[in-house]
């Protein structure tokens, strides 16, 4: 169970550094249809 990193604030309490929720994007290549790989890559690239 990972601990959330604490915050750094200025003298007035203004946040200078903090931790927020995020997401990693992962793939299981064996589940991607061979004929769709290029189209997958085209859709994912800008994002």
ModelCIF file with pLDDT and N, C-alpha, C, O atoms, coordinates in Angstrom:
data_MODEL
#
_entry.id   MODEL 
#
_entity.id                         1 
_entity.type                       polymer 
_entity.pdbx_number_of_molecules   1 
#
_entity_poly.entity_id                      1 
_entity_poly.type                           'polypeptide(L)' 
_entity_poly.nstd_linkage                   no 
_entity_poly.nstd_monomer                   no 
_entity_poly.pdbx_seq_one_letter_code       
;(UNK)(UNK)(UNK)(UNK)(UNK)(UNK)(UNK)(UNK)(UNK)(UNK)(UNK)(UNK)(UNK)(UNK)(UNK)(UNK)
(UNK)(UNK)(UNK)(UNK)(UNK)(UNK)(UNK)(UNK)(UNK)(UNK)(UNK)(UNK)(UNK)(UNK)(UNK)(UNK)
(UNK)(UNK)(UNK)(UNK)(UNK)(UNK)(UNK)(UNK)(UNK)(UNK)(UNK)(UNK)(UNK)(UNK)(UNK)
;
_entity_poly.pdbx_seq_one_letter_code_can   XXXXXXXXXXXXXXXXXXXXXXXXXXXXXXXXXXXXXXXXXXXXXXX 
_entity_poly.pdbx_strand_id                 A 
#
loop_
_entity_poly_seq.entity_id 
_entity_poly_seq.num 
_entity_poly_seq.mon_id 
_entity_poly_seq.hetero 
1 1  UNK n 
1 2  UNK n 
1 3  UNK n 
1 4  UNK n 
1 5  UNK n 
1 6  UNK n 
1 7  UNK n 
1 8  UNK n 
1 9  UNK n 
1 10 UNK n 
1 11 UNK n 
1 12 UNK n 
1 13 UNK n 
1 14 UNK n 
1 15 UNK n 
1 16 UNK n 
1 17 UNK n 
1 18 UNK n 
1 19 UNK n 
1 20 UNK n 
1 21 UNK n 
1 22 UNK n 
1 23 UNK n 
1 24 UNK n 
1 25 UNK n 
1 26 UNK n 
1 27 UNK n 
1 28 UNK n 
1 29 UNK n 
1 30 UNK n 
1 31 UNK n 
1 32 UNK n 
1 33 UNK n 
1 34 UNK n 
1 35 UNK n 
1 36 UNK n 
1 37 UNK n 
1 38 UNK n 
1 39 UNK n 
1 40 UNK n 
1 41 UNK n 
1 42 UNK n 
1 43 UNK n 
1 44 UNK n 
1 45 UNK n 
1 46 UNK n 
1 47 UNK n 
#
_struct_asym.id          A 
_struct_asym.entity_id   1 
#
loop_
_ma_qa_metric.id 
_ma_qa_metric.mode 
_ma_qa_metric.name 
_ma_qa_metric.software_group_id 
_ma_qa_metric.type 
1 global pLDDT . pLDDT 
2 local  pLDDT . pLDDT 
#
_ma_qa_metric_global.metric_id      1 
_ma_qa_metric_global.metric_value   91.91 
_ma_qa_metric_global.model_id       1 
_ma_qa_metric_global.ordinal_id     1 
#
loop_
_ma_qa_metric_local.label_asym_id 
_ma_qa_metric_local.label_comp_id 
_ma_qa_metric_local.label_seq_id 
_ma_qa_metric_local.metric_id 
_ma_qa_metric_local.metric_value 
_ma_qa_metric_local.model_id 
_ma_qa_metric_local.ordinal_id 
A UNK 1  2 80.00 1 1  
A UNK 2  2 79.00 1 2  
A UNK 3  2 87.00 1 3  
A UNK 4  2 87.00 1 4  
A UNK 5  2 91.00 1 5  
A UNK 6  2 93.00 1 6  
A UNK 7  2 95.00 1 7  
A UNK 8  2 97.00 1 8  
A UNK 9  2 97.00 1 9  
A UNK 10 2 97.00 1 10 
A UNK 11 2 97.00 1 11 
A UNK 12 2 97.00 1 12 
A UNK 13 2 96.00 1 13 
A UNK 14 2 97.00 1 14 
A UNK 15 2 97.00 1 15 
A UNK 16 2 97.00 1 16 
A UNK 17 2 96.00 1 17 
A UNK 18 2 94.00 1 18 
A UNK 19 2 91.00 1 19 
A UNK 20 2 88.00 1 20 
A UNK 21 2 85.00 1 21 
A UNK 22 2 86.00 1 22 
A UNK 23 2 88.00 1 23 
A UNK 24 2 89.00 1 24 
A UNK 25 2 92.00 1 25 
A UNK 26 2 92.00 1 26 
A UNK 27 2 92.00 1 27 
A UNK 28 2 92.00 1 28 
A UNK 29 2 91.00 1 29 
A UNK 30 2 90.00 1 30 
A UNK 31 2 90.00 1 31 
A UNK 32 2 91.00 1 32 
A UNK 33 2 90.00 1 33 
A UNK 34 2 90.00 1 34 
A UNK 35 2 89.00 1 35 
A UNK 36 2 91.00 1 36 
A UNK 37 2 92.00 1 37 
A UNK 38 2 93.00 1 38 
A UNK 39 2 93.00 1 39 
A UNK 40 2 93.00 1 40 
A UNK 41 2 93.00 1 41 
A UNK 42 2 94.00 1 42 
A UNK 43 2 94.00 1 43 
A UNK 44 2 95.00 1 44 
A UNK 45 2 94.00 1 45 
A UNK 46 2 94.00 1 46 
A UNK 47 2 94.00 1 47 
#
loop_
_atom_site.group_PDB 
_atom_site.id 
_atom_site.type_symbol 
_atom_site.label_atom_id 
_atom_site.label_alt_id 
_atom_site.label_comp_id 
_atom_site.label_asym_id 
_atom_site.label_entity_id 
_atom_site.label_seq_id 
_atom_site.pdbx_PDB_ins_code 
_atom_site.Cartn_x 
_atom_site.Cartn_y 
_atom_site.Cartn_z 
_atom_site.occupancy 
_atom_site.B_iso_or_equiv 
_atom_site.pdbx_formal_charge 
_atom_site.auth_seq_id 
_atom_site.auth_comp_id 
_atom_site.auth_asym_id 
_atom_site.auth_atom_id 
_atom_site.pdbx_PDB_model_num 
ATOM 1   N N  . UNK A 1 1  ? 0.870  -1.177  0.000   1.00 80.00 ? 1  UNK A N  1 
ATOM 2   C CA . UNK A 1 1  ? 0.000  0.000   0.000   1.00 80.00 ? 1  UNK A CA 1 
ATOM 3   C C  . UNK A 1 1  ? 0.908  1.229   0.000   1.00 80.00 ? 1  UNK A C  1 
ATOM 4   O O  . UNK A 1 1  ? 1.560  1.524   1.002   1.00 80.00 ? 1  UNK A O  1 
ATOM 5   N N  . UNK A 1 2  ? 0.949  1.928   -1.103  1.00 79.00 ? 2  UNK A N  1 
ATOM 6   C CA . UNK A 1 2  ? 1.892  3.041   -1.239  1.00 79.00 ? 2  UNK A CA 1 
ATOM 7   C C  . UNK A 1 2  ? 1.398  4.295   -0.505  1.00 79.00 ? 2  UNK A C  1 
ATOM 8   O O  . UNK A 1 2  ? 0.236  4.684   -0.617  1.00 79.00 ? 2  UNK A O  1 
ATOM 9   N N  . UNK A 1 3  ? 2.307  4.906   0.240   1.00 87.00 ? 3  UNK A N  1 
ATOM 10  C CA . UNK A 1 3  ? 1.990  6.157   0.924   1.00 87.00 ? 3  UNK A CA 1 
ATOM 11  C C  . UNK A 1 3  ? 1.998  7.309   -0.075  1.00 87.00 ? 3  UNK A C  1 
ATOM 12  O O  . UNK A 1 3  ? 2.795  7.322   -1.012  1.00 87.00 ? 3  UNK A O  1 
ATOM 13  N N  . UNK A 1 4  ? 1.109  8.272   0.132   1.00 87.00 ? 4  UNK A N  1 
ATOM 14  C CA . UNK A 1 4  ? 1.087  9.469   -0.720  1.00 87.00 ? 4  UNK A CA 1 
ATOM 15  C C  . UNK A 1 4  ? 2.171  10.433  -0.248  1.00 87.00 ? 4  UNK A C  1 
ATOM 16  O O  . UNK A 1 4  ? 2.291  10.702  0.947   1.00 87.00 ? 4  UNK A O  1 
ATOM 17  N N  . UNK A 1 5  ? 2.960  10.951  -1.188  1.00 91.00 ? 5  UNK A N  1 
ATOM 18  C CA . UNK A 1 5  ? 4.021  11.894  -0.842  1.00 91.00 ? 5  UNK A CA 1 
ATOM 19  C C  . UNK A 1 5  ? 3.397  13.204  -0.361  1.00 91.00 ? 5  UNK A C  1 
ATOM 20  O O  . UNK A 1 5  ? 2.399  13.668  -0.912  1.00 91.00 ? 5  UNK A O  1 
ATOM 21  N N  . UNK A 1 6  ? 3.995  13.788  0.666   1.00 93.00 ? 6  UNK A N  1 
ATOM 22  C CA . UNK A 1 6  ? 3.474  15.013  1.245   1.00 93.00 ? 6  UNK A CA 1 
ATOM 23  C C  . UNK A 1 6  ? 3.686  16.229  0.354   1.00 93.00 ? 6  UNK A C  1 
ATOM 24  O O  . UNK A 1 6  ? 4.343  16.149  -0.684  1.00 93.00 ? 6  UNK A O  1 
ATOM 25  N N  . UNK A 1 7  ? 3.124  17.346  0.774   1.00 95.00 ? 7  UNK A N  1 
ATOM 26  C CA . UNK A 1 7  ? 3.152  18.583  -0.010  1.00 95.00 ? 7  UNK A CA 1 
ATOM 27  C C  . UNK A 1 7  ? 4.244  19.531  0.483   1.00 95.00 ? 7  UNK A C  1 
ATOM 28  O O  . UNK A 1 7  ? 4.700  19.450  1.623   1.00 95.00 ? 7  UNK A O  1 
ATOM 29  N N  . UNK A 1 8  ? 4.646  20.429  -0.411  1.00 97.00 ? 8  UNK A N  1 
ATOM 30  C CA . UNK A 1 8  ? 5.518  21.550  -0.072  1.00 97.00 ? 8  UNK A CA 1 
ATOM 31  C C  . UNK A 1 8  ? 4.720  22.814  -0.356  1.00 97.00 ? 8  UNK A C  1 
ATOM 32  O O  . UNK A 1 8  ? 4.188  22.976  -1.455  1.00 97.00 ? 8  UNK A O  1 
ATOM 33  N N  . UNK A 1 9  ? 4.630  23.711  0.620   1.00 97.00 ? 9  UNK A N  1 
ATOM 34  C CA . UNK A 1 9  ? 3.848  24.945  0.448   1.00 97.00 ? 9  UNK A CA 1 
ATOM 35  C C  . UNK A 1 9  ? 4.714  26.147  0.786   1.00 97.00 ? 9  UNK A C  1 
ATOM 36  O O  . UNK A 1 9  ? 5.739  26.014  1.454   1.00 97.00 ? 9  UNK A O  1 
ATOM 37  N N  . UNK A 1 10 ? 4.295  27.333  0.319   1.00 97.00 ? 10 UNK A N  1 
ATOM 38  C CA . UNK A 1 10 ? 5.042  28.548  0.634   1.00 97.00 ? 10 UNK A CA 1 
ATOM 39  C C  . UNK A 1 10 ? 4.599  29.078  2.002   1.00 97.00 ? 10 UNK A C  1 
ATOM 40  O O  . UNK A 1 10 ? 3.798  28.437  2.681   1.00 97.00 ? 10 UNK A O  1 
ATOM 41  N N  . UNK A 1 11 ? 5.107  30.228  2.402   1.00 97.00 ? 11 UNK A N  1 
ATOM 42  C CA . UNK A 1 11 ? 4.842  30.757  3.740   1.00 97.00 ? 11 UNK A CA 1 
ATOM 43  C C  . UNK A 1 11 ? 3.357  31.033  3.967   1.00 97.00 ? 11 UNK A C  1 
ATOM 44  O O  . UNK A 1 11 ? 2.899  31.060  5.109   1.00 97.00 ? 11 UNK A O  1 
ATOM 45  N N  . UNK A 1 12 ? 2.603  31.238  2.884   1.00 97.00 ? 12 UNK A N  1 
ATOM 46  C CA . UNK A 1 12 ? 1.174  31.516  2.985   1.00 97.00 ? 12 UNK A CA 1 
ATOM 47  C C  . UNK A 1 12 ? 0.304  30.292  2.738   1.00 97.00 ? 12 UNK A C  1 
ATOM 48  O O  . UNK A 1 12 ? -0.920 30.401  2.666   1.00 97.00 ? 12 UNK A O  1 
ATOM 49  N N  . UNK A 1 13 ? 0.932  29.127  2.607   1.00 96.00 ? 13 UNK A N  1 
ATOM 50  C CA . UNK A 1 13 ? 0.174  27.904  2.378   1.00 96.00 ? 13 UNK A CA 1 
ATOM 51  C C  . UNK A 1 13 ? -0.125 27.609  0.925   1.00 96.00 ? 13 UNK A C  1 
ATOM 52  O O  . UNK A 1 13 ? -0.868 26.672  0.633   1.00 96.00 ? 13 UNK A O  1 
ATOM 53  N N  . UNK A 1 14 ? 0.431  28.381  0.004   1.00 97.00 ? 14 UNK A N  1 
ATOM 54  C CA . UNK A 1 14 ? 0.216  28.144  -1.428  1.00 97.00 ? 14 UNK A CA 1 
ATOM 55  C C  . UNK A 1 14 ? 0.982  26.893  -1.849  1.00 97.00 ? 14 UNK A C  1 
ATOM 56  O O  . UNK A 1 14 ? 2.186  26.807  -1.610  1.00 97.00 ? 14 UNK A O  1 
ATOM 57  N N  . UNK A 1 15 ? 0.304  25.912  -2.478  1.00 97.00 ? 15 UNK A N  1 
ATOM 58  C CA . UNK A 1 15 ? 0.997  24.669  -2.856  1.00 97.00 ? 15 UNK A CA 1 
ATOM 59  C C  . UNK A 1 15 ? 2.098  24.918  -3.886  1.00 97.00 ? 15 UNK A C  1 
ATOM 60  O O  . UNK A 1 15 ? 1.884  25.569  -4.908  1.00 97.00 ? 15 UNK A O  1 
ATOM 61  N N  . UNK A 1 16 ? 3.262  24.390  -3.592  1.00 97.00 ? 16 UNK A N  1 
ATOM 62  C CA . UNK A 1 16 ? 4.397  24.455  -4.512  1.00 97.00 ? 16 UNK A CA 1 
ATOM 63  C C  . UNK A 1 16 ? 4.682  23.089  -5.133  1.00 97.00 ? 16 UNK A C  1 
ATOM 64  O O  . UNK A 1 16 ? 5.183  23.002  -6.254  1.00 97.00 ? 16 UNK A O  1 
ATOM 65  N N  . UNK A 1 17 ? 4.364  22.036  -4.405  1.00 96.00 ? 17 UNK A N  1 
ATOM 66  C CA . UNK A 1 17 ? 4.524  20.659  -4.902  1.00 96.00 ? 17 UNK A CA 1 
ATOM 67  C C  . UNK A 1 17 ? 3.534  19.777  -4.165  1.00 96.00 ? 17 UNK A C  1 
ATOM 68  O O  . UNK A 1 17 ? 3.418  19.856  -2.942  1.00 96.00 ? 17 UNK A O  1 
ATOM 69  N N  . UNK A 1 18 ? 2.823  18.940  -4.898  1.00 94.00 ? 18 UNK A N  1 
ATOM 70  C CA . UNK A 1 18 ? 1.882  18.010  -4.270  1.00 94.00 ? 18 UNK A CA 1 
ATOM 71  C C  . UNK A 1 18 ? 1.672  16.810  -5.174  1.00 94.00 ? 18 UNK A C  1 
ATOM 72  O O  . UNK A 1 18 ? 2.030  16.830  -6.352  1.00 94.00 ? 18 UNK A O  1 
ATOM 73  N N  . UNK A 1 19 ? 1.085  15.760  -4.604  1.00 91.00 ? 19 UNK A N  1 
ATOM 74  C CA . UNK A 1 19 ? 0.850  14.526  -5.334  1.00 91.00 ? 19 UNK A CA 1 
ATOM 75  C C  . UNK A 1 19 ? -0.629 14.395  -5.653  1.00 91.00 ? 19 UNK A C  1 
ATOM 76  O O  . UNK A 1 19 ? -1.480 14.641  -4.798  1.00 91.00 ? 19 UNK A O  1 
ATOM 77  N N  . UNK A 1 20 ? -0.932 14.008  -6.879  1.00 88.00 ? 20 UNK A N  1 
ATOM 78  C CA . UNK A 1 20 ? -2.321 13.862  -7.316  1.00 88.00 ? 20 UNK A CA 1 
ATOM 79  C C  . UNK A 1 20 ? -2.505 12.510  -8.000  1.00 88.00 ? 20 UNK A C  1 
ATOM 80  O O  . UNK A 1 20 ? -1.543 11.879  -8.438  1.00 88.00 ? 20 UNK A O  1 
ATOM 81  N N  . UNK A 1 21 ? -3.777 12.077  -8.080  1.00 85.00 ? 21 UNK A N  1 
ATOM 82  C CA . UNK A 1 21 ? -4.089 10.824  -8.771  1.00 85.00 ? 21 UNK A CA 1 
ATOM 83  C C  . UNK A 1 21 ? -3.701 10.913  -10.248 1.00 85.00 ? 21 UNK A C  1 
ATOM 84  O O  . UNK A 1 21 ? -3.818 11.969  -10.869 1.00 85.00 ? 21 UNK A O  1 
ATOM 85  N N  . UNK A 1 22 ? -3.247 9.811   -10.790 1.00 86.00 ? 22 UNK A N  1 
ATOM 86  C CA . UNK A 1 22 ? -2.878 9.754   -12.207 1.00 86.00 ? 22 UNK A CA 1 
ATOM 87  C C  . UNK A 1 22 ? -3.056 8.319   -12.691 1.00 86.00 ? 22 UNK A C  1 
ATOM 88  O O  . UNK A 1 22 ? -3.392 7.427   -11.913 1.00 86.00 ? 22 UNK A O  1 
ATOM 89  N N  . UNK A 1 23 ? -2.828 8.111   -13.973 1.00 88.00 ? 23 UNK A N  1 
ATOM 90  C CA . UNK A 1 23 ? -2.965 6.771   -14.530 1.00 88.00 ? 23 UNK A CA 1 
ATOM 91  C C  . UNK A 1 23 ? -1.848 6.500   -15.540 1.00 88.00 ? 23 UNK A C  1 
ATOM 92  O O  . UNK A 1 23 ? -1.474 7.362   -16.335 1.00 88.00 ? 23 UNK A O  1 
ATOM 93  N N  . UNK A 1 24 ? -1.330 5.265   -15.478 1.00 89.00 ? 24 UNK A N  1 
ATOM 94  C CA . UNK A 1 24 ? -0.415 4.777   -16.506 1.00 89.00 ? 24 UNK A CA 1 
ATOM 95  C C  . UNK A 1 24 ? -1.245 4.083   -17.584 1.00 89.00 ? 24 UNK A C  1 
ATOM 96  O O  . UNK A 1 24 ? -2.268 3.467   -17.285 1.00 89.00 ? 24 UNK A O  1 
ATOM 97  N N  . UNK A 1 25 ? -0.803 4.181   -18.832 1.00 92.00 ? 25 UNK A N  1 
ATOM 98  C CA . UNK A 1 25 ? -1.468 3.478   -19.939 1.00 92.00 ? 25 UNK A CA 1 
ATOM 99  C C  . UNK A 1 25 ? -0.589 2.309   -20.340 1.00 92.00 ? 25 UNK A C  1 
ATOM 100 O O  . UNK A 1 25 ? 0.571  2.483   -20.715 1.00 92.00 ? 25 UNK A O  1 
ATOM 101 N N  . UNK A 1 26 ? -1.164 1.106   -20.253 1.00 92.00 ? 26 UNK A N  1 
ATOM 102 C CA . UNK A 1 26 ? -0.407 -0.107  -20.559 1.00 92.00 ? 26 UNK A CA 1 
ATOM 103 C C  . UNK A 1 26 ? -1.159 -0.916  -21.618 1.00 92.00 ? 26 UNK A C  1 
ATOM 104 O O  . UNK A 1 26 ? -2.353 -0.717  -21.842 1.00 92.00 ? 26 UNK A O  1 
ATOM 105 N N  . UNK A 1 27 ? -0.430 -1.833  -22.264 1.00 92.00 ? 27 UNK A N  1 
ATOM 106 C CA . UNK A 1 27 ? -1.032 -2.693  -23.286 1.00 92.00 ? 27 UNK A CA 1 
ATOM 107 C C  . UNK A 1 27 ? -0.623 -4.136  -23.048 1.00 92.00 ? 27 UNK A C  1 
ATOM 108 O O  . UNK A 1 27 ? 0.467  -4.415  -22.551 1.00 92.00 ? 27 UNK A O  1 
ATOM 109 N N  . UNK A 1 28 ? -1.513 -5.044  -23.410 1.00 92.00 ? 28 UNK A N  1 
ATOM 110 C CA . UNK A 1 28 ? -1.181 -6.466  -23.525 1.00 92.00 ? 28 UNK A CA 1 
ATOM 111 C C  . UNK A 1 28 ? -1.109 -6.741  -25.024 1.00 92.00 ? 28 UNK A C  1 
ATOM 112 O O  . UNK A 1 28 ? -2.136 -7.013  -25.645 1.00 92.00 ? 28 UNK A O  1 
ATOM 113 N N  . UNK A 1 29 ? 0.082  -6.677  -25.617 1.00 91.00 ? 29 UNK A N  1 
ATOM 114 C CA . UNK A 1 29 ? 0.218  -6.806  -27.072 1.00 91.00 ? 29 UNK A CA 1 
ATOM 115 C C  . UNK A 1 29 ? -0.406 -8.082  -27.641 1.00 91.00 ? 29 UNK A C  1 
ATOM 116 O O  . UNK A 1 29 ? -0.821 -8.113  -28.799 1.00 91.00 ? 29 UNK A O  1 
ATOM 117 N N  . UNK A 1 30 ? -0.470 -9.139  -26.816 1.00 90.00 ? 30 UNK A N  1 
ATOM 118 C CA . UNK A 1 30 ? -1.030 -10.402 -27.340 1.00 90.00 ? 30 UNK A CA 1 
ATOM 119 C C  . UNK A 1 30 ? -2.532 -10.300 -27.573 1.00 90.00 ? 30 UNK A C  1 
ATOM 120 O O  . UNK A 1 30 ? -3.110 -11.133 -28.271 1.00 90.00 ? 30 UNK A O  1 
ATOM 121 N N  . UNK A 1 31 ? -3.166 -9.283  -26.991 1.00 90.00 ? 31 UNK A N  1 
ATOM 122 C CA . UNK A 1 31 ? -4.608 -9.101  -27.161 1.00 90.00 ? 31 UNK A CA 1 
ATOM 123 C C  . UNK A 1 31 ? -4.954 -8.176  -28.322 1.00 90.00 ? 31 UNK A C  1 
ATOM 124 O O  . UNK A 1 31 ? -6.119 -8.046  -28.697 1.00 90.00 ? 31 UNK A O  1 
ATOM 125 N N  . UNK A 1 32 ? -3.919 -7.526  -28.896 1.00 91.00 ? 32 UNK A N  1 
ATOM 126 C CA . UNK A 1 32 ? -4.151 -6.571  -29.981 1.00 91.00 ? 32 UNK A CA 1 
ATOM 127 C C  . UNK A 1 32 ? -4.134 -7.328  -31.314 1.00 91.00 ? 32 UNK A C  1 
ATOM 128 O O  . UNK A 1 32 ? -3.143 -7.981  -31.636 1.00 91.00 ? 32 UNK A O  1 
ATOM 129 N N  . UNK A 1 33 ? -5.210 -7.247  -32.082 1.00 90.00 ? 33 UNK A N  1 
ATOM 130 C CA . UNK A 1 33 ? -5.232 -7.924  -33.391 1.00 90.00 ? 33 UNK A CA 1 
ATOM 131 C C  . UNK A 1 33 ? -4.082 -7.458  -34.273 1.00 90.00 ? 33 UNK A C  1 
ATOM 132 O O  . UNK A 1 33 ? -3.823 -6.260  -34.394 1.00 90.00 ? 33 UNK A O  1 
ATOM 133 N N  . UNK A 1 34 ? -3.399 -8.414  -34.885 1.00 90.00 ? 34 UNK A N  1 
ATOM 134 C CA . UNK A 1 34 ? -2.230 -8.074  -35.700 1.00 90.00 ? 34 UNK A CA 1 
ATOM 135 C C  . UNK A 1 34 ? -2.568 -7.030  -36.759 1.00 90.00 ? 34 UNK A C  1 
ATOM 136 O O  . UNK A 1 34 ? -1.783 -6.113  -36.999 1.00 90.00 ? 34 UNK A O  1 
ATOM 137 N N  . UNK A 1 35 ? -3.718 -7.162  -37.387 1.00 89.00 ? 35 UNK A N  1 
ATOM 138 C CA . UNK A 1 35 ? -4.067 -6.238  -38.460 1.00 89.00 ? 35 UNK A CA 1 
ATOM 139 C C  . UNK A 1 35 ? -4.446 -4.857  -37.990 1.00 89.00 ? 35 UNK A C  1 
ATOM 140 O O  . UNK A 1 35 ? -4.560 -3.938  -38.800 1.00 89.00 ? 35 UNK A O  1 
ATOM 141 N N  . UNK A 1 36 ? -4.650 -4.686  -36.654 1.00 91.00 ? 36 UNK A N  1 
ATOM 142 C CA . UNK A 1 36 ? -5.074 -3.385  -36.126 1.00 91.00 ? 36 UNK A CA 1 
ATOM 143 C C  . UNK A 1 36 ? -3.942 -2.615  -35.440 1.00 91.00 ? 36 UNK A C  1 
ATOM 144 O O  . UNK A 1 36 ? -4.171 -1.512  -34.944 1.00 91.00 ? 36 UNK A O  1 
ATOM 145 N N  . UNK A 1 37 ? -2.738 -3.167  -35.401 1.00 92.00 ? 37 UNK A N  1 
ATOM 146 C CA . UNK A 1 37 ? -1.659 -2.532  -34.641 1.00 92.00 ? 37 UNK A CA 1 
ATOM 147 C C  . UNK A 1 37 ? -1.377 -1.107  -35.114 1.00 92.00 ? 37 UNK A C  1 
ATOM 148 O O  . UNK A 1 37 ? -1.214 -0.205  -34.293 1.00 92.00 ? 37 UNK A O  1 
ATOM 149 N N  . UNK A 1 38 ? -1.320 -0.899  -36.412 1.00 93.00 ? 38 UNK A N  1 
ATOM 150 C CA . UNK A 1 38 ? -1.002 0.420   -36.934 1.00 93.00 ? 38 UNK A CA 1 
ATOM 151 C C  . UNK A 1 38 ? -2.109 1.414   -36.612 1.00 93.00 ? 38 UNK A C  1 
ATOM 152 O O  . UNK A 1 38 ? -1.835 2.568   -36.282 1.00 93.00 ? 38 UNK A O  1 
ATOM 153 N N  . UNK A 1 39 ? -3.358 0.969   -36.705 1.00 93.00 ? 39 UNK A N  1 
ATOM 154 C CA . UNK A 1 39 ? -4.471 1.868   -36.399 1.00 93.00 ? 39 UNK A CA 1 
ATOM 155 C C  . UNK A 1 39 ? -4.485 2.192   -34.899 1.00 93.00 ? 39 UNK A C  1 
ATOM 156 O O  . UNK A 1 39 ? -4.767 3.330   -34.521 1.00 93.00 ? 39 UNK A O  1 
ATOM 157 N N  . UNK A 1 40 ? -4.184 1.209   -34.041 1.00 93.00 ? 40 UNK A N  1 
ATOM 158 C CA . UNK A 1 40 ? -4.059 1.469   -32.612 1.00 93.00 ? 40 UNK A CA 1 
ATOM 159 C C  . UNK A 1 40 ? -3.010 2.570   -32.381 1.00 93.00 ? 40 UNK A C  1 
ATOM 160 O O  . UNK A 1 40 ? -3.251 3.551   -31.677 1.00 93.00 ? 40 UNK A O  1 
ATOM 161 N N  . UNK A 1 41 ? -1.857 2.371   -32.991 1.00 93.00 ? 41 UNK A N  1 
ATOM 162 C CA . UNK A 1 41 ? -0.747 3.307   -32.800 1.00 93.00 ? 41 UNK A CA 1 
ATOM 163 C C  . UNK A 1 41 ? -1.118 4.704   -33.273 1.00 93.00 ? 41 UNK A C  1 
ATOM 164 O O  . UNK A 1 41 ? -0.748 5.689   -32.634 1.00 93.00 ? 41 UNK A O  1 
ATOM 165 N N  . UNK A 1 42 ? -1.837 4.806   -34.376 1.00 94.00 ? 42 UNK A N  1 
ATOM 166 C CA . UNK A 1 42 ? -2.247 6.106   -34.910 1.00 94.00 ? 42 UNK A CA 1 
ATOM 167 C C  . UNK A 1 42 ? -3.201 6.811   -33.955 1.00 94.00 ? 42 UNK A C  1 
ATOM 168 O O  . UNK A 1 42 ? -3.105 8.023   -33.763 1.00 94.00 ? 42 UNK A O  1 
ATOM 169 N N  . UNK A 1 43 ? -4.116 6.064   -33.359 1.00 94.00 ? 43 UNK A N  1 
ATOM 170 C CA . UNK A 1 43 ? -5.060 6.654   -32.416 1.00 94.00 ? 43 UNK A CA 1 
ATOM 171 C C  . UNK A 1 43 ? -4.381 7.066   -31.114 1.00 94.00 ? 43 UNK A C  1 
ATOM 172 O O  . UNK A 1 43 ? -4.712 8.106   -30.544 1.00 94.00 ? 43 UNK A O  1 
ATOM 173 N N  . UNK A 1 44 ? -3.441 6.265   -30.645 1.00 95.00 ? 44 UNK A N  1 
ATOM 174 C CA . UNK A 1 44 ? -2.804 6.505   -29.353 1.00 95.00 ? 44 UNK A CA 1 
ATOM 175 C C  . UNK A 1 44 ? -1.713 7.577   -29.392 1.00 95.00 ? 44 UNK A C  1 
ATOM 176 O O  . UNK A 1 44 ? -1.477 8.263   -28.398 1.00 95.00 ? 44 UNK A O  1 
ATOM 177 N N  . UNK A 1 45 ? -1.064 7.715   -30.515 1.00 94.00 ? 45 UNK A N  1 
ATOM 178 C CA . UNK A 1 45 ? 0.119  8.576   -30.621 1.00 94.00 ? 45 UNK A CA 1 
ATOM 179 C C  . UNK A 1 45 ? -0.080 9.985   -30.061 1.00 94.00 ? 45 UNK A C  1 
ATOM 180 O O  . UNK A 1 45 ? 0.702  10.394  -29.203 1.00 94.00 ? 45 UNK A O  1 
ATOM 181 N N  . UNK A 1 46 ? -1.089 10.752  -30.501 1.00 94.00 ? 46 UNK A N  1 
ATOM 182 C CA . UNK A 1 46 ? -1.210 12.118  -29.986 1.00 94.00 ? 46 UNK A CA 1 
ATOM 183 C C  . UNK A 1 46 ? -1.589 12.186  -28.506 1.00 94.00 ? 46 UNK A C  1 
ATOM 184 O O  . UNK A 1 46 ? -1.401 13.222  -27.869 1.00 94.00 ? 46 UNK A O  1 
ATOM 185 N N  . UNK A 1 47 ? -2.121 11.093  -27.956 1.00 94.00 ? 47 UNK A N  1 
ATOM 186 C CA . UNK A 1 47 ? -2.586 11.112  -26.578 1.00 94.00 ? 47 UNK A CA 1 
ATOM 187 C C  . UNK A 1 47 ? -1.521 10.664  -25.583 1.00 94.00 ? 47 UNK A C  1 
ATOM 188 O O  . UNK A 1 47 ? -1.777 10.631  -24.379 1.00 94.00 ? 47 UNK A O  1 
#
